[in-house]
Amino acid sequence: MKSAVGKQATVVIDALKHGAEATAAQRKRRDLGDVAGQWKADKDVESALAAQDKPDEELWRTTGSGASS
């Protein structure tokens, strides 16, 4: 019977193997070559994305340091 530390070590080692893809069963990967280079510029999309990069000054003013209460 493994101790709690031994079980934790096994979990960590398994996670590292999976992360390094050192396991026998490799994940199936999708080739995205058919969609590469297909992006079309769109002013509305660019504008919406740019708006997300701007901080909400009123929100920061009302919450102080930005930390949730």
C-alpha atoms as a PDB file:
ATOM      1  CA  MET A   1       0.000   0.000   0.000  1.00  0.00           C
ATOM      2  CA  LYS A   2       1.409   3.392  -1.006  1.00  0.00           C
ATOM      3  CA  SER A   3       1.684   6.208   1.481  1.00  0.00           C
ATOM      4  CA  ALA A   4      -0.062   9.529   0.798  1.00  0.00           C
ATOM      5  CA  VAL A   5       3.283  11.014  -0.293  1.00  0.00           C
ATOM      6  CA  GLY A   6       3.865   8.081  -2.646  1.00  0.00           C
ATOM      7  CA  LYS A   7       0.428   8.555  -4.208  1.00  0.00           C
ATOM      8  CA  GLN A   8       1.053  12.279  -4.642  1.00  0.00           C
ATOM      9  CA  ALA A   9       4.417  11.578  -6.259  1.00  0.00           C
ATOM     10  CA  THR A  10       2.748   9.172  -8.686  1.00  0.00           C
ATOM     11  CA  VAL A  11       0.151  11.803  -9.600  1.00  0.00           C
ATOM     12  CA  VAL A  12       2.875  14.397 -10.172  1.00  0.00           C
ATOM     13  CA  ILE A  13       4.966  12.036 -12.293  1.00  0.00           C
ATOM     14  CA  ASP A  14       1.930  11.055 -14.366  1.00  0.00           C
ATOM     15  CA  ALA A  15       1.061  14.731 -14.900  1.00  0.00           C
ATOM     16  CA  LEU A  16       4.638  15.492 -15.981  1.00  0.00           C
ATOM     17  CA  LYS A  17       4.637  12.559 -18.404  1.00  0.00           C
ATOM     18  CA  HIS A  18       1.336  13.717 -19.851  1.00  0.00           C
ATOM     19  CA  GLY A  19       2.579  17.308 -20.141  1.00  0.00           C
ATOM     20  CA  ALA A  20       5.759  16.180 -21.848  1.00  0.00           C
ATOM     21  CA  GLU A  21       3.728  13.818 -24.034  1.00  0.00           C
ATOM     22  CA  ALA A  22       5.989  10.984 -22.938  1.00  0.00           C
ATOM     23  CA  THR A  23       3.067   8.609 -22.700  1.00  0.00           C
ATOM     24  CA  ALA A  24       2.432   5.857 -25.224  1.00  0.00           C
ATOM     25  CA  ALA A  25      -0.934   7.304 -26.274  1.00  0.00           C
ATOM     26  CA  GLN A  26      -0.233  10.577 -28.053  1.00  0.00           C
ATOM     27  CA  ARG A  27      -3.016  13.129 -28.319  1.00  0.00           C
ATOM     28  CA  LYS A  28      -4.600  13.452 -31.732  1.00  0.00           C
ATOM     29  CA  ARG A  29      -3.719  16.814 -33.214  1.00  0.00           C
ATOM     30  CA  ARG A  30      -5.694  18.695 -35.841  1.00  0.00           C
ATOM     31  CA  ASP A  31      -3.908  20.186 -38.811  1.00  0.00           C
ATOM     32  CA  LEU A  32      -5.074  23.785 -39.128  1.00  0.00           C
ATOM     33  CA  GLY A  33      -3.433  24.334 -42.502  1.00  0.00           C
ATOM     34  CA  ASP A  34      -6.821  24.700 -44.173  1.00  0.00           C
ATOM     35  CA  VAL A  35      -7.639  27.793 -42.108  1.00  0.00           C
ATOM     36  CA  ALA A  36      -4.157  29.335 -41.915  1.00  0.00           C
ATOM     37  CA  GLY A  37      -4.025  32.654 -43.723  1.00  0.00           C
ATOM     38  CA  GLN A  38      -7.801  32.919 -44.056  1.00  0.00           C
ATOM     39  CA  TRP A  39      -8.302  35.873 -41.653  1.00  0.00           C
ATOM     40  CA  LYS A  40     -10.001  38.831 -43.282  1.00  0.00           C
ATOM     41  CA  ALA A  41      -9.591  42.228 -41.658  1.00  0.00           C
ATOM     42  CA  ASP A  42     -12.867  43.666 -40.369  1.00  0.00           C
ATOM     43  CA  LYS A  43     -13.054  47.219 -38.998  1.00  0.00           C
ATOM     44  CA  ASP A  44     -15.900  46.351 -36.605  1.00  0.00           C
ATOM     45  CA  VAL A  45     -13.981  43.418 -35.125  1.00  0.00           C
ATOM     46  CA  GLU A  46     -10.786  45.466 -34.807  1.00  0.00           C
ATOM     47  CA  SER A  47     -12.732  48.262 -33.112  1.00  0.00           C
ATOM     48  CA  ALA A  48     -14.360  45.848 -30.642  1.00  0.00           C
ATOM     49  CA  LEU A  49     -11.007  44.245 -29.801  1.00  0.00           C
ATOM     50  CA  ALA A  50      -9.368  47.655 -29.325  1.00  0.00           C
ATOM     51  CA  ALA A  51     -12.184  48.712 -26.982  1.00  0.00           C
ATOM     52  CA  GLN A  52     -11.406  45.709 -24.757  1.00  0.00           C
ATOM     53  CA  ASP A  53      -7.847  46.996 -24.286  1.00  0.00           C
ATOM     54  CA  LYS A  54      -8.997  50.260 -22.708  1.00  0.00           C
ATOM     55  CA  PRO A  55      -9.381  50.277 -18.900  1.00  0.00           C
ATOM     56  CA  ASP A  56     -12.736  51.361 -17.502  1.00  0.00           C
ATOM     57  CA  GLU A  57     -11.656  54.463 -15.558  1.00  0.00           C
ATOM     58  CA  GLU A  58     -14.973  54.683 -13.663  1.00  0.00           C
ATOM     59  CA  LEU A  59     -14.717  51.050 -12.555  1.00  0.00           C
ATOM     60  CA  TRP A  60     -11.181  51.553 -11.261  1.00  0.00           C
ATOM     61  CA  ARG A  61     -12.196  54.738  -9.486  1.00  0.00           C
ATOM     62  CA  THR A  62     -15.092  53.071  -7.640  1.00  0.00           C
ATOM     63  CA  THR A  63     -13.193  49.940  -6.595  1.00  0.00           C
ATOM     64  CA  GLY A  64     -10.061  51.683  -5.385  1.00  0.00           C
ATOM     65  CA  SER A  65      -7.070  49.470  -6.085  1.00  0.00           C
ATOM     66  CA  GLY A  66      -9.022  47.229  -8.400  1.00  0.00           C
ATOM     67  CA  ALA A  67      -9.252  44.431  -5.836  1.00  0.00           C
ATOM     68  CA  SER A  68     -12.666  42.845  -5.486  1.00  0.00           C
ATOM     69  CA  SER A  69     -14.498  43.427  -2.234  1.00  0.00           C
END
